[in-house]
Amino acid sequence: MIFLGLTGVIGSGKSTTARLLRERGIDVIDLDVLAKESLTWKETQDDIRKTFGEECVVNGLVDVVRLRGLAFNQGDDLRKLEQIIHPRVRQEVEKKIESLRQKGARAVVFDHPLLFEKGFDKKVDKVVVVAADMDVIRKRLAERGMQADDVERRLSFQTPLADKVARADYVINNNGTEQDLEKEIDKFLERLTSWEEGRNASH
């Protein structure tokens, strides 16, 4: 089974790319969704209560805004939160990989916004970066209703897109329409198939 890491920056089109890959029958595990789901699990909530206080879980729901405020203002708290969430997400990922292996999946894509930042690029066979020109990205985010200063703040938390592109095995360019993106994805899948055939031939 091939492990692929999919990343980009906010507004580059990573989520649309993940959806289009799914539509082509490729299994995608979304790490961000799993991390959010983990906040609904009882054991996670119990640990959050113990670590951050009862007021962080109200009526069976984690108060994400309060937690985010704590975690981002104090480095230690962010580490504590990651220590609660990451091991559980990892276990869930391993379960999903095992079930995909049993059904004979050829590849699995890990959709991870912080692939490089968290060192996850070391755990995959190939890294795929969804890229777009920064002016296109800013225009898209403005159309989504995001304020310019919020856009810059969010982008500042992520590794610059140019750095991600430089470290990618494959780059999917997304400056145009969804149809243009579909063509780019099909080209990428052809290149991936050639690489896979070459790898299998050399084994």
N, C-alpha and C. Protein backbone atom coordinates (compact mmCIF):
# COMPACT_ATOMS: atom_id res chain seq x y z
N MET A 1 0.85 -1.19 0.00
CA MET A 1 0.00 0.00 0.00
C MET A 1 0.89 1.25 0.00
N ILE A 2 0.54 2.22 -0.86
CA ILE A 2 1.32 3.47 -0.90
C ILE A 2 0.69 4.47 0.07
N PHE A 3 1.54 5.12 0.86
CA PHE A 3 1.08 6.19 1.75
C PHE A 3 1.43 7.53 1.12
N LEU A 4 0.41 8.35 0.91
CA LEU A 4 0.61 9.67 0.32
C LEU A 4 0.20 10.74 1.32
N GLY A 5 1.00 11.78 1.45
CA GLY A 5 0.63 12.91 2.30
C GLY A 5 0.15 14.04 1.42
N LEU A 6 -1.01 14.59 1.74
CA LEU A 6 -1.58 15.70 0.96
C LEU A 6 -1.63 16.95 1.84
N THR A 7 -1.04 18.05 1.34
CA THR A 7 -1.07 19.27 2.14
C THR A 7 -1.09 20.49 1.22
N GLY A 8 -1.14 21.66 1.85
CA GLY A 8 -1.17 22.92 1.12
C GLY A 8 -1.24 24.02 2.16
N VAL A 9 -1.77 25.17 1.79
CA VAL A 9 -2.05 26.18 2.81
C VAL A 9 -3.53 26.53 2.70
N ILE A 10 -4.04 27.25 3.69
CA ILE A 10 -5.45 27.64 3.65
C ILE A 10 -5.73 28.37 2.34
N GLY A 11 -6.79 27.91 1.63
CA GLY A 11 -7.17 28.57 0.38
C GLY A 11 -6.52 28.00 -0.87
N SER A 12 -5.59 27.03 -0.69
CA SER A 12 -4.93 26.50 -1.90
C SER A 12 -5.79 25.44 -2.61
N GLY A 13 -6.77 24.88 -1.88
CA GLY A 13 -7.67 23.91 -2.53
C GLY A 13 -7.45 22.47 -2.12
N LYS A 14 -6.82 22.28 -0.95
CA LYS A 14 -6.52 20.92 -0.47
C LYS A 14 -7.79 20.10 -0.25
N SER A 15 -8.82 20.73 0.36
CA SER A 15 -10.05 19.98 0.67
C SER A 15 -10.77 19.56 -0.61
N THR A 16 -10.78 20.46 -1.60
CA THR A 16 -11.43 20.12 -2.89
C THR A 16 -10.66 18.99 -3.55
N THR A 17 -9.33 19.05 -3.48
CA THR A 17 -8.49 17.99 -4.07
C THR A 17 -8.78 16.66 -3.38
N ALA A 18 -8.90 16.67 -2.05
CA ALA A 18 -9.19 15.44 -1.30
C ALA A 18 -10.53 14.86 -1.75
N ARG A 19 -11.52 15.75 -1.91
CA ARG A 19 -12.86 15.27 -2.36
C ARG A 19 -12.77 14.65 -3.75
N LEU A 20 -12.03 15.29 -4.66
CA LEU A 20 -11.93 14.78 -6.03
C LEU A 20 -11.15 13.46 -6.07
N LEU A 21 -10.18 13.30 -5.18
CA LEU A 21 -9.47 12.02 -5.10
C LEU A 21 -10.41 10.92 -4.61
N ARG A 22 -11.24 11.26 -3.61
CA ARG A 22 -12.23 10.28 -3.12
C ARG A 22 -13.18 9.87 -4.26
N GLU A 23 -13.59 10.87 -5.05
CA GLU A 23 -14.51 10.57 -6.16
C GLU A 23 -13.87 9.63 -7.17
N ARG A 24 -12.54 9.62 -7.20
CA ARG A 24 -11.81 8.72 -8.11
C ARG A 24 -11.49 7.38 -7.44
N GLY A 25 -12.09 7.16 -6.27
CA GLY A 25 -11.96 5.85 -5.61
C GLY A 25 -10.72 5.70 -4.74
N ILE A 26 -10.06 6.82 -4.43
CA ILE A 26 -8.87 6.73 -3.58
C ILE A 26 -9.27 7.03 -2.14
N ASP A 27 -8.78 6.22 -1.21
CA ASP A 27 -9.14 6.41 0.20
C ASP A 27 -8.36 7.58 0.79
N VAL A 28 -9.09 8.45 1.48
CA VAL A 28 -8.47 9.63 2.10
C VAL A 28 -8.78 9.61 3.59
N ILE A 29 -7.75 9.76 4.41
CA ILE A 29 -7.94 9.90 5.86
C ILE A 29 -7.64 11.36 6.20
N ASP A 30 -8.65 12.06 6.71
CA ASP A 30 -8.51 13.49 7.02
C ASP A 30 -8.11 13.64 8.49
N LEU A 31 -6.86 14.02 8.71
CA LEU A 31 -6.33 14.11 10.08
C LEU A 31 -7.01 15.22 10.89
N ASP A 32 -7.38 16.30 10.21
CA ASP A 32 -8.04 17.42 10.89
C ASP A 32 -9.42 17.01 11.39
N VAL A 33 -10.16 16.30 10.54
CA VAL A 33 -11.50 15.82 10.92
C VAL A 33 -11.39 14.85 12.10
N LEU A 34 -10.39 13.96 12.03
CA LEU A 34 -10.20 12.99 13.14
C LEU A 34 -9.89 13.70 14.45
N ALA A 35 -9.05 14.75 14.39
CA ALA A 35 -8.70 15.49 15.61
C ALA A 35 -9.96 16.14 16.19
N LYS A 36 -10.82 16.68 15.30
CA LYS A 36 -12.07 17.30 15.79
C LYS A 36 -13.00 16.23 16.36
N GLU A 37 -13.08 15.08 15.66
CA GLU A 37 -13.93 13.97 16.14
C GLU A 37 -13.47 13.51 17.53
N SER A 38 -12.16 13.50 17.73
CA SER A 38 -11.62 12.98 19.00
C SER A 38 -12.13 13.79 20.19
N LEU A 39 -12.53 15.05 19.94
CA LEU A 39 -13.06 15.89 21.02
C LEU A 39 -14.45 15.43 21.47
N THR A 40 -15.09 14.55 20.70
CA THR A 40 -16.41 14.04 21.09
C THR A 40 -16.29 12.73 21.88
N TRP A 41 -15.07 12.15 21.92
CA TRP A 41 -14.89 10.87 22.61
C TRP A 41 -14.79 11.10 24.12
N LYS A 42 -15.42 10.21 24.87
CA LYS A 42 -15.51 10.38 26.33
C LYS A 42 -14.12 10.46 26.99
N GLU A 43 -13.20 9.54 26.60
CA GLU A 43 -11.88 9.52 27.25
C GLU A 43 -11.14 10.84 27.01
N THR A 44 -11.28 11.40 25.78
CA THR A 44 -10.62 12.68 25.48
C THR A 44 -11.20 13.77 26.37
N GLN A 45 -12.53 13.79 26.47
CA GLN A 45 -13.19 14.82 27.28
C GLN A 45 -12.80 14.70 28.75
N ASP A 46 -12.70 13.46 29.26
CA ASP A 46 -12.29 13.26 30.65
C ASP A 46 -10.89 13.84 30.90
N ASP A 47 -9.98 13.59 29.95
CA ASP A 47 -8.60 14.10 30.09
C ASP A 47 -8.56 15.62 30.00
N ILE A 48 -9.40 16.19 29.13
CA ILE A 48 -9.44 17.66 29.00
C ILE A 48 -9.95 18.28 30.29
N ARG A 49 -10.97 17.68 30.88
CA ARG A 49 -11.50 18.17 32.17
C ARG A 49 -10.41 18.15 33.24
N LYS A 50 -9.71 17.01 33.30
CA LYS A 50 -8.67 16.85 34.33
C LYS A 50 -7.54 17.87 34.14
N THR A 51 -7.18 18.11 32.87
CA THR A 51 -6.02 18.96 32.59
C THR A 51 -6.35 20.44 32.59
N PHE A 52 -7.51 20.79 32.03
CA PHE A 52 -7.80 22.21 31.81
C PHE A 52 -8.96 22.75 32.65
N GLY A 53 -9.66 21.84 33.36
CA GLY A 53 -10.75 22.30 34.21
C GLY A 53 -12.12 21.93 33.66
N GLU A 54 -13.08 21.77 34.59
CA GLU A 54 -14.44 21.34 34.25
C GLU A 54 -15.10 22.26 33.22
N GLU A 55 -14.79 23.58 33.30
CA GLU A 55 -15.48 24.54 32.43
C GLU A 55 -15.12 24.38 30.94
N CYS A 56 -14.13 23.53 30.65
CA CYS A 56 -13.76 23.31 29.24
C CYS A 56 -14.66 22.28 28.55
N VAL A 57 -15.46 21.54 29.34
CA VAL A 57 -16.42 20.59 28.74
C VAL A 57 -17.79 20.89 29.34
N VAL A 58 -18.71 21.35 28.50
CA VAL A 58 -20.03 21.75 28.99
C VAL A 58 -21.10 20.95 28.25
N ASN A 59 -21.97 20.27 29.03
CA ASN A 59 -23.05 19.45 28.44
C ASN A 59 -22.55 18.48 27.37
N GLY A 60 -21.43 17.82 27.68
CA GLY A 60 -20.91 16.81 26.75
C GLY A 60 -20.22 17.39 25.53
N LEU A 61 -20.00 18.71 25.51
CA LEU A 61 -19.31 19.32 24.37
C LEU A 61 -18.08 20.07 24.85
N VAL A 62 -16.97 19.90 24.12
CA VAL A 62 -15.75 20.64 24.46
C VAL A 62 -15.92 22.09 24.02
N ASP A 63 -15.61 23.01 24.93
CA ASP A 63 -15.66 24.44 24.58
C ASP A 63 -14.37 24.76 23.82
N VAL A 64 -14.44 24.61 22.49
CA VAL A 64 -13.25 24.71 21.64
C VAL A 64 -12.64 26.12 21.71
N VAL A 65 -13.50 27.13 21.78
CA VAL A 65 -13.00 28.51 21.80
C VAL A 65 -12.15 28.75 23.06
N ARG A 66 -12.67 28.31 24.20
CA ARG A 66 -11.95 28.48 25.47
C ARG A 66 -10.62 27.70 25.43
N LEU A 67 -10.72 26.47 24.93
CA LEU A 67 -9.54 25.60 24.87
C LEU A 67 -8.48 26.18 23.94
N ARG A 68 -8.94 26.69 22.78
CA ARG A 68 -8.01 27.27 21.80
C ARG A 68 -7.31 28.48 22.41
N GLY A 69 -8.07 29.29 23.14
CA GLY A 69 -7.50 30.47 23.81
C GLY A 69 -6.40 30.06 24.77
N LEU A 70 -6.68 29.03 25.57
CA LEU A 70 -5.68 28.54 26.54
C LEU A 70 -4.45 28.01 25.81
N ALA A 71 -4.72 27.15 24.80
CA ALA A 71 -3.63 26.44 24.13
C ALA A 71 -2.72 27.38 23.35
N PHE A 72 -3.31 28.39 22.68
CA PHE A 72 -2.47 29.25 21.85
C PHE A 72 -1.76 30.33 22.65
N ASN A 73 -2.29 30.63 23.84
CA ASN A 73 -1.63 31.67 24.62
C ASN A 73 -0.47 31.13 25.45
N GLN A 74 -0.52 29.84 25.73
CA GLN A 74 0.54 29.26 26.56
C GLN A 74 1.06 27.99 25.91
N GLY A 75 2.34 28.04 25.55
CA GLY A 75 2.95 26.91 24.84
C GLY A 75 2.78 25.57 25.54
N ASP A 76 2.93 25.57 26.86
CA ASP A 76 2.83 24.32 27.61
C ASP A 76 1.44 23.71 27.47
N ASP A 77 0.41 24.58 27.50
CA ASP A 77 -0.96 24.08 27.39
C ASP A 77 -1.21 23.46 26.01
N LEU A 78 -0.61 24.06 24.98
CA LEU A 78 -0.76 23.50 23.63
C LEU A 78 -0.15 22.10 23.60
N ARG A 79 1.03 21.95 24.20
CA ARG A 79 1.67 20.63 24.24
C ARG A 79 0.80 19.62 25.00
N LYS A 80 0.22 20.06 26.12
CA LYS A 80 -0.64 19.16 26.91
C LYS A 80 -1.84 18.70 26.08
N LEU A 81 -2.43 19.67 25.34
CA LEU A 81 -3.59 19.34 24.52
C LEU A 81 -3.20 18.34 23.43
N GLU A 82 -2.05 18.57 22.80
CA GLU A 82 -1.58 17.64 21.76
C GLU A 82 -1.33 16.26 22.32
N GLN A 83 -0.82 16.21 23.57
CA GLN A 83 -0.56 14.89 24.19
C GLN A 83 -1.85 14.13 24.49
N ILE A 84 -2.94 14.87 24.65
CA ILE A 84 -4.24 14.22 24.86
C ILE A 84 -4.81 13.72 23.52
N ILE A 85 -4.71 14.57 22.50
CA ILE A 85 -5.40 14.28 21.23
C ILE A 85 -4.58 13.37 20.30
N HIS A 86 -3.29 13.67 20.13
CA HIS A 86 -2.51 12.98 19.10
C HIS A 86 -2.44 11.46 19.25
N PRO A 87 -2.17 10.92 20.47
CA PRO A 87 -2.10 9.45 20.56
C PRO A 87 -3.42 8.78 20.17
N ARG A 88 -4.54 9.43 20.51
CA ARG A 88 -5.85 8.82 20.17
C ARG A 88 -6.09 8.88 18.67
N VAL A 89 -5.70 9.98 18.06
CA VAL A 89 -5.86 10.11 16.60
C VAL A 89 -4.99 9.06 15.91
N ARG A 90 -3.76 8.90 16.44
CA ARG A 90 -2.83 7.91 15.85
C ARG A 90 -3.44 6.50 15.90
N GLN A 91 -4.04 6.16 17.05
CA GLN A 91 -4.66 4.83 17.18
C GLN A 91 -5.77 4.65 16.14
N GLU A 92 -6.57 5.70 15.98
CA GLU A 92 -7.69 5.64 15.04
C GLU A 92 -7.16 5.48 13.61
N VAL A 93 -6.08 6.19 13.30
CA VAL A 93 -5.46 6.11 11.96
C VAL A 93 -4.98 4.67 11.71
N GLU A 94 -4.34 4.09 12.73
CA GLU A 94 -3.83 2.72 12.57
C GLU A 94 -4.97 1.73 12.31
N LYS A 95 -6.10 1.95 13.00
CA LYS A 95 -7.27 1.08 12.77
C LYS A 95 -7.76 1.21 11.34
N LYS A 96 -7.82 2.46 10.87
CA LYS A 96 -8.31 2.70 9.50
C LYS A 96 -7.36 2.09 8.46
N ILE A 97 -6.05 2.22 8.70
CA ILE A 97 -5.07 1.65 7.75
C ILE A 97 -5.24 0.14 7.70
N GLU A 98 -5.41 -0.48 8.87
CA GLU A 98 -5.55 -1.94 8.93
C GLU A 98 -6.78 -2.39 8.14
N SER A 99 -7.90 -1.64 8.31
CA SER A 99 -9.11 -2.06 7.60
C SER A 99 -8.97 -1.83 6.09
N LEU A 100 -8.24 -0.79 5.69
CA LEU A 100 -8.00 -0.56 4.25
C LEU A 100 -7.09 -1.65 3.68
N ARG A 101 -6.11 -2.06 4.50
CA ARG A 101 -5.19 -3.11 4.05
C ARG A 101 -5.98 -4.40 3.80
N GLN A 102 -6.92 -4.68 4.73
CA GLN A 102 -7.71 -5.92 4.60
C GLN A 102 -8.59 -5.90 3.36
N LYS A 103 -9.05 -4.71 2.99
CA LYS A 103 -9.91 -4.68 1.79
C LYS A 103 -9.09 -4.53 0.51
N GLY A 104 -7.73 -4.54 0.66
CA GLY A 104 -6.85 -4.54 -0.52
C GLY A 104 -6.67 -3.18 -1.17
N ALA A 105 -6.77 -2.10 -0.37
CA ALA A 105 -6.59 -0.75 -0.94
C ALA A 105 -5.17 -0.60 -1.47
N ARG A 106 -5.07 0.08 -2.62
CA ARG A 106 -3.77 0.22 -3.28
C ARG A 106 -3.00 1.42 -2.69
N ALA A 107 -3.76 2.45 -2.29
CA ALA A 107 -3.11 3.66 -1.75
C ALA A 107 -4.02 4.31 -0.72
N VAL A 108 -3.40 5.05 0.18
CA VAL A 108 -4.20 5.84 1.12
C VAL A 108 -3.56 7.23 1.17
N VAL A 109 -4.42 8.25 1.16
CA VAL A 109 -3.96 9.64 1.22
C VAL A 109 -4.23 10.18 2.61
N PHE A 110 -3.22 10.75 3.24
CA PHE A 110 -3.40 11.42 4.53
C PHE A 110 -3.52 12.91 4.26
N ASP A 111 -4.71 13.43 4.49
CA ASP A 111 -4.97 14.86 4.29
C ASP A 111 -4.56 15.55 5.59
N HIS A 112 -3.46 16.31 5.54
CA HIS A 112 -2.88 16.86 6.78
C HIS A 112 -2.44 18.31 6.55
N PRO A 113 -3.13 19.30 7.17
CA PRO A 113 -2.75 20.70 6.94
C PRO A 113 -1.35 21.03 7.45
N LEU A 114 -0.88 20.28 8.48
CA LEU A 114 0.44 20.57 9.07
C LEU A 114 1.40 19.40 8.83
N LEU A 115 1.38 18.87 7.63
CA LEU A 115 2.17 17.68 7.28
C LEU A 115 3.65 17.89 7.58
N PHE A 116 4.22 19.01 7.10
CA PHE A 116 5.65 19.29 7.32
C PHE A 116 5.90 19.77 8.75
N GLU A 117 4.99 20.65 9.22
CA GLU A 117 5.17 21.23 10.55
C GLU A 117 5.23 20.16 11.64
N LYS A 118 4.47 19.07 11.45
CA LYS A 118 4.42 18.01 12.48
C LYS A 118 5.33 16.83 12.13
N GLY A 119 6.12 16.95 11.05
CA GLY A 119 7.04 15.87 10.69
C GLY A 119 6.37 14.66 10.08
N PHE A 120 5.09 14.81 9.68
CA PHE A 120 4.35 13.67 9.13
C PHE A 120 4.86 13.29 7.74
N ASP A 121 5.58 14.23 7.09
CA ASP A 121 6.12 13.94 5.75
C ASP A 121 7.11 12.77 5.79
N LYS A 122 7.70 12.52 6.98
CA LYS A 122 8.66 11.40 7.12
C LYS A 122 7.94 10.04 7.14
N LYS A 123 6.60 10.07 7.35
CA LYS A 123 5.87 8.81 7.52
C LYS A 123 5.18 8.35 6.24
N VAL A 124 5.33 9.13 5.16
CA VAL A 124 4.64 8.77 3.91
C VAL A 124 5.65 8.49 2.81
N ASP A 125 5.19 7.77 1.76
CA ASP A 125 6.08 7.46 0.63
C ASP A 125 6.28 8.68 -0.28
N LYS A 126 5.21 9.43 -0.47
CA LYS A 126 5.28 10.60 -1.36
C LYS A 126 4.44 11.74 -0.78
N VAL A 127 4.93 12.96 -0.99
CA VAL A 127 4.21 14.15 -0.52
C VAL A 127 3.62 14.89 -1.72
N VAL A 128 2.33 15.22 -1.60
CA VAL A 128 1.61 15.95 -2.66
C VAL A 128 1.20 17.30 -2.09
N VAL A 129 1.61 18.37 -2.76
CA VAL A 129 1.24 19.72 -2.29
C VAL A 129 0.30 20.36 -3.31
N VAL A 130 -0.82 20.87 -2.80
CA VAL A 130 -1.76 21.62 -3.65
C VAL A 130 -1.33 23.08 -3.58
N ALA A 131 -1.03 23.64 -4.75
CA ALA A 131 -0.47 25.00 -4.77
C ALA A 131 -1.33 25.93 -5.63
N ALA A 132 -1.25 27.21 -5.30
CA ALA A 132 -1.90 28.25 -6.11
C ALA A 132 -1.10 29.53 -5.88
N ASP A 133 -1.23 30.48 -6.80
CA ASP A 133 -0.55 31.77 -6.60
C ASP A 133 -1.13 32.44 -5.36
N MET A 134 -0.27 33.14 -4.61
CA MET A 134 -0.73 33.75 -3.36
C MET A 134 -1.82 34.79 -3.58
N ASP A 135 -1.79 35.51 -4.71
CA ASP A 135 -2.87 36.49 -4.95
C ASP A 135 -4.20 35.78 -5.20
N VAL A 136 -4.14 34.60 -5.84
CA VAL A 136 -5.36 33.80 -6.07
C VAL A 136 -5.90 33.31 -4.72
N ILE A 137 -4.99 32.85 -3.86
CA ILE A 137 -5.38 32.36 -2.52
C ILE A 137 -6.04 33.48 -1.71
N ARG A 138 -5.42 34.65 -1.72
CA ARG A 138 -5.98 35.78 -0.94
C ARG A 138 -7.35 36.17 -1.46
N LYS A 139 -7.52 36.14 -2.79
CA LYS A 139 -8.81 36.50 -3.40
C LYS A 139 -9.88 35.48 -2.99
N ARG A 140 -9.52 34.18 -3.04
CA ARG A 140 -10.47 33.12 -2.63
C ARG A 140 -10.92 33.31 -1.19
N LEU A 141 -9.97 33.57 -0.31
CA LEU A 141 -10.28 33.70 1.11
C LEU A 141 -11.13 34.95 1.37
N ALA A 142 -10.87 36.01 0.62
CA ALA A 142 -11.69 37.23 0.75
C ALA A 142 -13.12 36.92 0.31
N GLU A 143 -13.25 36.10 -0.77
CA GLU A 143 -14.59 35.73 -1.25
C GLU A 143 -15.33 34.86 -0.24
N ARG A 144 -14.57 34.15 0.60
CA ARG A 144 -15.20 33.35 1.67
C ARG A 144 -15.60 34.23 2.85
N GLY A 145 -15.26 35.52 2.77
CA GLY A 145 -15.64 36.44 3.84
C GLY A 145 -14.58 36.64 4.91
N MET A 146 -13.36 36.16 4.64
CA MET A 146 -12.31 36.34 5.64
C MET A 146 -11.68 37.72 5.51
N GLN A 147 -11.41 38.35 6.65
CA GLN A 147 -10.76 39.67 6.66
C GLN A 147 -9.28 39.51 6.32
N ALA A 148 -8.72 40.52 5.65
CA ALA A 148 -7.32 40.46 5.19
C ALA A 148 -6.34 40.17 6.34
N ASP A 149 -6.55 40.81 7.52
CA ASP A 149 -5.60 40.59 8.62
C ASP A 149 -5.71 39.17 9.18
N ASP A 150 -6.93 38.61 9.13
CA ASP A 150 -7.14 37.23 9.59
C ASP A 150 -6.43 36.25 8.64
N VAL A 151 -6.54 36.54 7.33
CA VAL A 151 -5.88 35.71 6.31
C VAL A 151 -4.38 35.68 6.58
N GLU A 152 -3.78 36.87 6.77
CA GLU A 152 -2.32 36.95 6.98
C GLU A 152 -1.92 36.24 8.27
N ARG A 153 -2.75 36.39 9.32
CA ARG A 153 -2.45 35.74 10.60
C ARG A 153 -2.43 34.22 10.43
N ARG A 154 -3.46 33.71 9.73
CA ARG A 154 -3.54 32.25 9.55
C ARG A 154 -2.38 31.73 8.70
N LEU A 155 -2.07 32.48 7.64
CA LEU A 155 -0.97 32.06 6.77
C LEU A 155 0.35 32.07 7.53
N SER A 156 0.48 33.00 8.49
CA SER A 156 1.75 33.12 9.23
C SER A 156 1.99 31.91 10.14
N PHE A 157 0.92 31.18 10.49
CA PHE A 157 1.08 29.98 11.34
C PHE A 157 1.59 28.79 10.54
N GLN A 158 1.50 28.88 9.20
CA GLN A 158 1.84 27.72 8.37
C GLN A 158 3.18 27.95 7.66
N THR A 159 3.86 26.85 7.36
CA THR A 159 5.08 26.94 6.55
C THR A 159 4.71 27.59 5.22
N PRO A 160 5.51 28.56 4.73
CA PRO A 160 5.16 29.21 3.45
C PRO A 160 4.97 28.19 2.33
N LEU A 161 3.99 28.47 1.47
CA LEU A 161 3.64 27.54 0.40
C LEU A 161 4.84 27.24 -0.49
N ALA A 162 5.66 28.26 -0.79
CA ALA A 162 6.84 28.05 -1.66
C ALA A 162 7.77 27.00 -1.06
N ASP A 163 7.91 26.99 0.28
CA ASP A 163 8.77 26.00 0.95
C ASP A 163 8.17 24.60 0.83
N LYS A 164 6.83 24.54 0.96
CA LYS A 164 6.17 23.23 0.84
C LYS A 164 6.33 22.68 -0.59
N VAL A 165 6.16 23.57 -1.56
CA VAL A 165 6.30 23.16 -2.97
C VAL A 165 7.71 22.62 -3.22
N ALA A 166 8.71 23.31 -2.65
CA ALA A 166 10.11 22.89 -2.85
C ALA A 166 10.37 21.50 -2.28
N ARG A 167 9.60 21.12 -1.27
CA ARG A 167 9.82 19.81 -0.62
C ARG A 167 8.86 18.73 -1.11
N ALA A 168 8.00 19.06 -2.06
CA ALA A 168 6.98 18.11 -2.53
C ALA A 168 7.54 17.13 -3.56
N ASP A 169 6.97 15.93 -3.59
CA ASP A 169 7.27 14.99 -4.68
C ASP A 169 6.38 15.29 -5.88
N TYR A 170 5.15 15.72 -5.60
CA TYR A 170 4.20 16.08 -6.66
C TYR A 170 3.53 17.40 -6.28
N VAL A 171 3.33 18.25 -7.27
CA VAL A 171 2.62 19.51 -7.03
C VAL A 171 1.38 19.53 -7.93
N ILE A 172 0.22 19.78 -7.31
CA ILE A 172 -1.03 19.92 -8.07
C ILE A 172 -1.36 21.41 -8.08
N ASN A 173 -1.31 22.02 -9.27
CA ASN A 173 -1.57 23.46 -9.37
C ASN A 173 -3.06 23.72 -9.45
N ASN A 174 -3.52 24.70 -8.68
CA ASN A 174 -4.95 24.98 -8.60
C ASN A 174 -5.22 26.48 -8.70
N ASN A 175 -4.93 27.04 -9.87
CA ASN A 175 -5.16 28.48 -10.08
C ASN A 175 -6.46 28.76 -10.84
N GLY A 176 -7.08 27.68 -11.37
CA GLY A 176 -8.24 27.91 -12.23
C GLY A 176 -9.54 27.37 -11.65
N THR A 177 -10.34 26.78 -12.54
CA THR A 177 -11.66 26.26 -12.14
C THR A 177 -11.51 24.84 -11.57
N GLU A 178 -12.62 24.31 -11.08
CA GLU A 178 -12.58 22.93 -10.57
C GLU A 178 -12.27 21.95 -11.70
N GLN A 179 -12.76 22.26 -12.92
CA GLN A 179 -12.46 21.39 -14.08
C GLN A 179 -10.95 21.36 -14.35
N ASP A 180 -10.31 22.53 -14.23
CA ASP A 180 -8.85 22.60 -14.43
C ASP A 180 -8.15 21.74 -13.36
N LEU A 181 -8.67 21.82 -12.15
CA LEU A 181 -8.08 21.05 -11.04
C LEU A 181 -8.23 19.55 -11.31
N GLU A 182 -9.39 19.15 -11.84
CA GLU A 182 -9.61 17.73 -12.14
C GLU A 182 -8.56 17.23 -13.14
N LYS A 183 -8.25 18.05 -14.14
CA LYS A 183 -7.23 17.65 -15.14
C LYS A 183 -5.87 17.49 -14.47
N GLU A 184 -5.55 18.44 -13.56
CA GLU A 184 -4.28 18.37 -12.84
C GLU A 184 -4.19 17.09 -12.00
N ILE A 185 -5.32 16.74 -11.36
CA ILE A 185 -5.35 15.53 -10.51
C ILE A 185 -5.16 14.29 -11.38
N ASP A 186 -5.82 14.27 -12.53
CA ASP A 186 -5.67 13.10 -13.43
C ASP A 186 -4.22 12.94 -13.90
N LYS A 187 -3.56 14.09 -14.17
CA LYS A 187 -2.14 14.04 -14.58
C LYS A 187 -1.29 13.50 -13.43
N PHE A 188 -1.59 13.97 -12.23
CA PHE A 188 -0.85 13.50 -11.04
C PHE A 188 -1.03 11.99 -10.88
N LEU A 189 -2.28 11.49 -11.03
CA LEU A 189 -2.53 10.06 -10.84
C LEU A 189 -1.81 9.21 -11.89
N GLU A 190 -1.68 9.76 -13.11
CA GLU A 190 -0.92 9.03 -14.16
C GLU A 190 0.55 8.93 -13.75
N ARG A 191 1.10 10.05 -13.25
CA ARG A 191 2.51 10.04 -12.82
C ARG A 191 2.72 9.09 -11.65
N LEU A 192 1.74 9.07 -10.75
CA LEU A 192 1.84 8.18 -9.58
C LEU A 192 1.82 6.72 -10.02
N THR A 193 0.95 6.40 -10.98
CA THR A 193 0.85 5.02 -11.49
C THR A 193 2.17 4.60 -12.13
N SER A 194 2.81 5.51 -12.90
CA SER A 194 4.11 5.17 -13.52
C SER A 194 5.15 4.91 -12.44
N TRP A 195 5.15 5.76 -11.40
CA TRP A 195 6.13 5.57 -10.32
C TRP A 195 5.89 4.22 -9.63
N GLU A 196 4.60 3.91 -9.41
CA GLU A 196 4.25 2.67 -8.71
C GLU A 196 4.66 1.46 -9.55
N GLU A 197 4.43 1.55 -10.87
CA GLU A 197 4.80 0.42 -11.75
C GLU A 197 6.30 0.23 -11.75
N GLY A 198 7.03 1.36 -11.77
CA GLY A 198 8.50 1.29 -11.73
C GLY A 198 8.99 0.67 -10.44
N ARG A 199 8.34 1.06 -9.34
CA ARG A 199 8.74 0.53 -8.03
C ARG A 199 8.47 -0.97 -7.95
N ASN A 200 7.28 -1.38 -8.46
CA ASN A 200 6.94 -2.81 -8.42
C ASN A 200 7.87 -3.63 -9.30
N ALA A 201 8.28 -3.05 -10.44
CA ALA A 201 9.15 -3.77 -11.37
C ALA A 201 10.53 -4.00 -10.75
N SER A 202 10.95 -3.04 -9.91
CA SER A 202 12.32 -3.16 -9.34
C SER A 202 12.35 -4.06 -8.11
N HIS A 203 11.14 -4.48 -7.63
CA HIS A 203 11.11 -5.35 -6.42
C HIS A 203 11.22 -6.80 -6.81
